[in-house]
Amino acid sequence: MSNITAAHLFPHKLGQDILVSFFGEDVEGELMMARNGLLLQTDVESALGLP
């Protein structure tokens, strides 16, 4: 059985203000939404260097 984790596509540590400055006002509030995530096996997440 493999371990699955949720990884952010846009890193949470950068914050909402940086997200909006990159993509505009249309993404306000999207940082913690499911659309900003990807389910990955933990070893894949580690290999990609995601936190």
PDB file of N, CA and C in Angstrom:
ATOM      1  N   MET A   1       0.855  -1.191   0.000  1.00  0.00           N
ATOM      2  CA  MET A   1       0.000   0.000   0.000  1.00  0.00           C
ATOM      3  C   MET A   1       0.893   1.244   0.000  1.00  0.00           C
ATOM      4  N   SER A   2       0.587   2.206  -0.845  1.00  0.00           N
ATOM      5  CA  SER A   2       1.406   3.414  -0.923  1.00  0.00           C
ATOM      6  C   SER A   2       0.782   4.547  -0.123  1.00  0.00           C
ATOM      7  N   ASN A   3       1.632   5.462   0.301  1.00  0.00           N
ATOM      8  CA  ASN A   3       1.170   6.643   1.019  1.00  0.00           C
ATOM      9  C   ASN A   3       0.882   7.752   0.020  1.00  0.00           C
ATOM     10  N   ILE A   4      -0.253   8.388   0.204  1.00  0.00           N
ATOM     11  CA  ILE A   4      -0.677   9.481  -0.668  1.00  0.00           C
ATOM     12  C   ILE A   4      -0.719  10.756   0.159  1.00  0.00           C
ATOM     13  N   THR A   5      -0.297  11.855  -0.439  1.00  0.00           N
ATOM     14  CA  THR A   5      -0.329  13.146   0.226  1.00  0.00           C
ATOM     15  C   THR A   5      -0.868  14.200  -0.740  1.00  0.00           C
ATOM     16  N   ALA A   6      -1.391  15.276  -0.190  1.00  0.00           N
ATOM     17  CA  ALA A   6      -1.857  16.397  -1.004  1.00  0.00           C
ATOM     18  C   ALA A   6      -0.745  17.441  -1.068  1.00  0.00           C
ATOM     19  N   ALA A   7      -0.361  17.826  -2.264  1.00  0.00           N
ATOM     20  CA  ALA A   7       0.692  18.817  -2.464  1.00  0.00           C
ATOM     21  C   ALA A   7       0.090  20.064  -3.111  1.00  0.00           C
ATOM     22  N   HIS A   8       0.571  21.228  -2.689  1.00  0.00           N
ATOM     23  CA  HIS A   8       0.134  22.483  -3.290  1.00  0.00           C
ATOM     24  C   HIS A   8       0.813  22.674  -4.640  1.00  0.00           C
ATOM     25  N   LEU A   9       0.072  23.114  -5.640  1.00  0.00           N
ATOM     26  CA  LEU A   9       0.665  23.485  -6.926  1.00  0.00           C
ATOM     27  C   LEU A   9       1.382  24.829  -6.794  1.00  0.00           C
ATOM     28  N   PHE A  10       0.726  25.796  -6.170  1.00  0.00           N
ATOM     29  CA  PHE A  10       1.352  27.072  -5.825  1.00  0.00           C
ATOM     30  C   PHE A  10       1.665  26.997  -4.340  1.00  0.00           C
ATOM     31  N   PRO A  11       2.925  27.091  -3.940  1.00  0.00           N
ATOM     32  CA  PRO A  11       3.312  26.862  -2.547  1.00  0.00           C
ATOM     33  C   PRO A  11       2.592  27.768  -1.547  1.00  0.00           C
ATOM     34  N   HIS A  12       2.065  27.150  -0.511  1.00  0.00           N
ATOM     35  CA  HIS A  12       1.369  27.867   0.557  1.00  0.00           C
ATOM     36  C   HIS A  12       2.285  28.885   1.222  1.00  0.00           C
ATOM     37  N   LYS A  13       3.573  28.550   1.362  1.00  0.00           N
ATOM     38  CA  LYS A  13       4.513  29.428   2.064  1.00  0.00           C
ATOM     39  C   LYS A  13       4.705  30.775   1.362  1.00  0.00           C
ATOM     40  N   LEU A  14       4.382  30.866   0.066  1.00  0.00           N
ATOM     41  CA  LEU A  14       4.497  32.137  -0.646  1.00  0.00           C
ATOM     42  C   LEU A  14       3.353  33.085  -0.304  1.00  0.00           C
ATOM     43  N   GLY A  15       2.224  32.545   0.079  1.00  0.00           N
ATOM     44  CA  GLY A  15       1.112  33.360   0.542  1.00  0.00           C
ATOM     45  C   GLY A  15       0.175  33.870  -0.543  1.00  0.00           C
ATOM     46  N   GLN A  16      -0.974  34.329  -0.063  1.00  0.00           N
ATOM     47  CA  GLN A  16      -2.046  34.807  -0.933  1.00  0.00           C
ATOM     48  C   GLN A  16      -1.633  36.042  -1.730  1.00  0.00           C
ATOM     49  N   ASP A  17      -0.904  36.970  -1.102  1.00  0.00           N
ATOM     50  CA  ASP A  17      -0.515  38.202  -1.797  1.00  0.00           C
ATOM     51  C   ASP A  17       0.353  37.917  -3.021  1.00  0.00           C
ATOM     52  N   ILE A  18       1.284  36.988  -2.894  1.00  0.00           N
ATOM     53  CA  ILE A  18       2.148  36.629  -4.021  1.00  0.00           C
ATOM     54  C   ILE A  18       1.336  35.911  -5.098  1.00  0.00           C
ATOM     55  N   LEU A  19       0.418  35.039  -4.678  1.00  0.00           N
ATOM     56  CA  LEU A  19      -0.455  34.347  -5.631  1.00  0.00           C
ATOM     57  C   LEU A  19      -1.219  35.358  -6.479  1.00  0.00           C
ATOM     58  N   VAL A  20      -1.798  36.358  -5.839  1.00  0.00           N
ATOM     59  CA  VAL A  20      -2.564  37.389  -6.552  1.00  0.00           C
ATOM     60  C   VAL A  20      -1.646  38.216  -7.452  1.00  0.00           C
ATOM     61  N   SER A  21      -0.431  38.519  -6.985  1.00  0.00           N
ATOM     62  CA  SER A  21       0.472  39.309  -7.832  1.00  0.00           C
ATOM     63  C   SER A  21       0.915  38.523  -9.072  1.00  0.00           C
ATOM     64  N   PHE A  22       0.996  37.202  -8.975  1.00  0.00           N
ATOM     65  CA  PHE A  22       1.348  36.370 -10.127  1.00  0.00           C
ATOM     66  C   PHE A  22       0.191  36.226 -11.106  1.00  0.00           C
ATOM     67  N   PHE A  23      -1.021  35.975 -10.581  1.00  0.00           N
ATOM     68  CA  PHE A  23      -2.143  35.560 -11.423  1.00  0.00           C
ATOM     69  C   PHE A  23      -3.310  36.535 -11.470  1.00  0.00           C
ATOM     70  N   GLY A  24      -3.274  37.610 -10.700  1.00  0.00           N
ATOM     71  CA  GLY A  24      -4.330  38.606 -10.730  1.00  0.00           C
ATOM     72  C   GLY A  24      -5.416  38.381  -9.690  1.00  0.00           C
ATOM     73  N   GLU A  25      -6.316  39.347  -9.611  1.00  0.00           N
ATOM     74  CA  GLU A  25      -7.372  39.346  -8.595  1.00  0.00           C
ATOM     75  C   GLU A  25      -8.343  38.175  -8.725  1.00  0.00           C
ATOM     76  N   ASP A  26      -8.431  37.558  -9.883  1.00  0.00           N
ATOM     77  CA  ASP A  26      -9.363  36.443 -10.091  1.00  0.00           C
ATOM     78  C   ASP A  26      -9.055  35.236  -9.223  1.00  0.00           C
ATOM     79  N   VAL A  27      -7.848  35.149  -8.683  1.00  0.00           N
ATOM     80  CA  VAL A  27      -7.460  33.984  -7.879  1.00  0.00           C
ATOM     81  C   VAL A  27      -7.540  34.254  -6.377  1.00  0.00           C
ATOM     82  N   GLU A  28      -8.102  35.373  -5.986  1.00  0.00           N
ATOM     83  CA  GLU A  28      -8.256  35.702  -4.566  1.00  0.00           C
ATOM     84  C   GLU A  28      -8.975  34.567  -3.849  1.00  0.00           C
ATOM     85  N   GLY A  29      -8.376  34.050  -2.792  1.00  0.00           N
ATOM     86  CA  GLY A  29      -8.977  32.976  -2.010  1.00  0.00           C
ATOM     87  C   GLY A  29      -8.708  31.572  -2.527  1.00  0.00           C
ATOM     88  N   GLU A  30      -7.920  31.418  -3.571  1.00  0.00           N
ATOM     89  CA  GLU A  30      -7.676  30.108  -4.185  1.00  0.00           C
ATOM     90  C   GLU A  30      -6.533  29.324  -3.544  1.00  0.00           C
ATOM     91  N   LEU A  31      -5.747  29.948  -2.691  1.00  0.00           N
ATOM     92  CA  LEU A  31      -4.551  29.306  -2.154  1.00  0.00           C
ATOM     93  C   LEU A  31      -4.845  27.983  -1.465  1.00  0.00           C
ATOM     94  N   MET A  32      -5.920  27.907  -0.704  1.00  0.00           N
ATOM     95  CA  MET A  32      -6.234  26.691   0.042  1.00  0.00           C
ATOM     96  C   MET A  32      -7.363  25.880  -0.592  1.00  0.00           C
ATOM     97  N   MET A  33      -7.692  26.158  -1.837  1.00  0.00           N
ATOM     98  CA  MET A  33      -8.741  25.417  -2.527  1.00  0.00           C
ATOM     99  C   MET A  33      -8.190  24.123  -3.124  1.00  0.00           C
ATOM    100  N   ALA A  34      -9.062  23.174  -3.368  1.00  0.00           N
ATOM    101  CA  ALA A  34      -8.661  21.893  -3.957  1.00  0.00           C
ATOM    102  C   ALA A  34      -8.034  22.072  -5.336  1.00  0.00           C
ATOM    103  N   ARG A  35      -8.414  23.124  -6.045  1.00  0.00           N
ATOM    104  CA  ARG A  35      -7.844  23.388  -7.377  1.00  0.00           C
ATOM    105  C   ARG A  35      -6.347  23.693  -7.319  1.00  0.00           C
ATOM    106  N   ASN A  36      -5.862  24.056  -6.144  1.00  0.00           N
ATOM    107  CA  ASN A  36      -4.439  24.348  -5.964  1.00  0.00           C
ATOM    108  C   ASN A  36      -3.710  23.132  -5.392  1.00  0.00           C
ATOM    109  N   GLY A  37      -4.256  21.959  -5.591  1.00  0.00           N
ATOM    110  CA  GLY A  37      -3.641  20.765  -5.027  1.00  0.00           C
ATOM    111  C   GLY A  37      -3.554  19.620  -6.003  1.00  0.00           C
ATOM    112  N   LEU A  38      -2.720  18.681  -5.624  1.00  0.00           N
ATOM    113  CA  LEU A  38      -2.497  17.499  -6.438  1.00  0.00           C
ATOM    114  C   LEU A  38      -2.220  16.345  -5.488  1.00  0.00           C
ATOM    115  N   LEU A  39      -2.901  15.220  -5.667  1.00  0.00           N
ATOM    116  CA  LEU A  39      -2.629  14.042  -4.850  1.00  0.00           C
ATOM    117  C   LEU A  39      -1.443  13.291  -5.448  1.00  0.00           C
ATOM    118  N   LEU A  40      -0.430  13.077  -4.634  1.00  0.00           N
ATOM    119  CA  LEU A  40       0.787  12.413  -5.084  1.00  0.00           C
ATOM    120  C   LEU A  40       1.211  11.349  -4.089  1.00  0.00           C
ATOM    121  N   GLN A  41       1.919  10.349  -4.567  1.00  0.00           N
ATOM    122  CA  GLN A  41       2.576   9.433  -3.653  1.00  0.00           C
ATOM    123  C   GLN A  41       3.672  10.226  -2.949  1.00  0.00           C
ATOM    124  N   THR A  42       3.900   9.918  -1.667  1.00  0.00           N
ATOM    125  CA  THR A  42       4.870  10.692  -0.895  1.00  0.00           C
ATOM    126  C   THR A  42       6.272  10.644  -1.497  1.00  0.00           C
ATOM    127  N   ASP A  43       6.667   9.516  -2.086  1.00  0.00           N
ATOM    128  CA  ASP A  43       8.004   9.456  -2.691  1.00  0.00           C
ATOM    129  C   ASP A  43       8.099  10.328  -3.946  1.00  0.00           C
ATOM    130  N   VAL A  44       7.005  10.489  -4.678  1.00  0.00           N
ATOM    131  CA  VAL A  44       6.986  11.384  -5.843  1.00  0.00           C
ATOM    132  C   VAL A  44       7.072  12.831  -5.368  1.00  0.00           C
ATOM    133  N   GLU A  45       6.326  13.167  -4.327  1.00  0.00           N
ATOM    134  CA  GLU A  45       6.378  14.519  -3.768  1.00  0.00           C
ATOM    135  C   GLU A  45       7.805  14.859  -3.343  1.00  0.00           C
ATOM    136  N   SER A  46       8.463  13.936  -2.674  1.00  0.00           N
ATOM    137  CA  SER A  46       9.851  14.151  -2.239  1.00  0.00           C
ATOM    138  C   SER A  46      10.790  14.312  -3.432  1.00  0.00           C
ATOM    139  N   ALA A  47      10.612  13.491  -4.447  1.00  0.00           N
ATOM    140  CA  ALA A  47      11.470  13.557  -5.631  1.00  0.00           C
ATOM    141  C   ALA A  47      11.326  14.892  -6.360  1.00  0.00           C
ATOM    142  N   LEU A  48      10.130  15.476  -6.308  1.00  0.00           N
ATOM    143  CA  LEU A  48       9.892  16.770  -6.947  1.00  0.00           C
ATOM    144  C   LEU A  48      10.356  17.931  -6.087  1.00  0.00           C
ATOM    145  N   GLY A  49      10.720  17.649  -4.845  1.00  0.00           N
ATOM    146  CA  GLY A  49      11.177  18.700  -3.944  1.00  0.00           C
ATOM    147  C   GLY A  49      10.060  19.558  -3.396  1.00  0.00           C
ATOM    148  N   LEU A  50       8.848  19.016  -3.351  1.00  0.00           N
ATOM    149  CA  LEU A  50       7.717  19.757  -2.812  1.00  0.00           C
ATOM    150  C   LEU A  50       7.712  19.624  -1.293  1.00  0.00           C
ATOM    151  N   PRO A  51       7.337  20.704  -0.592  1.00  0.00           N
ATOM    152  CA  PRO A  51       7.329  20.641   0.887  1.00  0.00           C
ATOM    153  C   PRO A  51       6.289  19.700   1.440  1.00  0.00           C
TER     154      PRO A  51
END
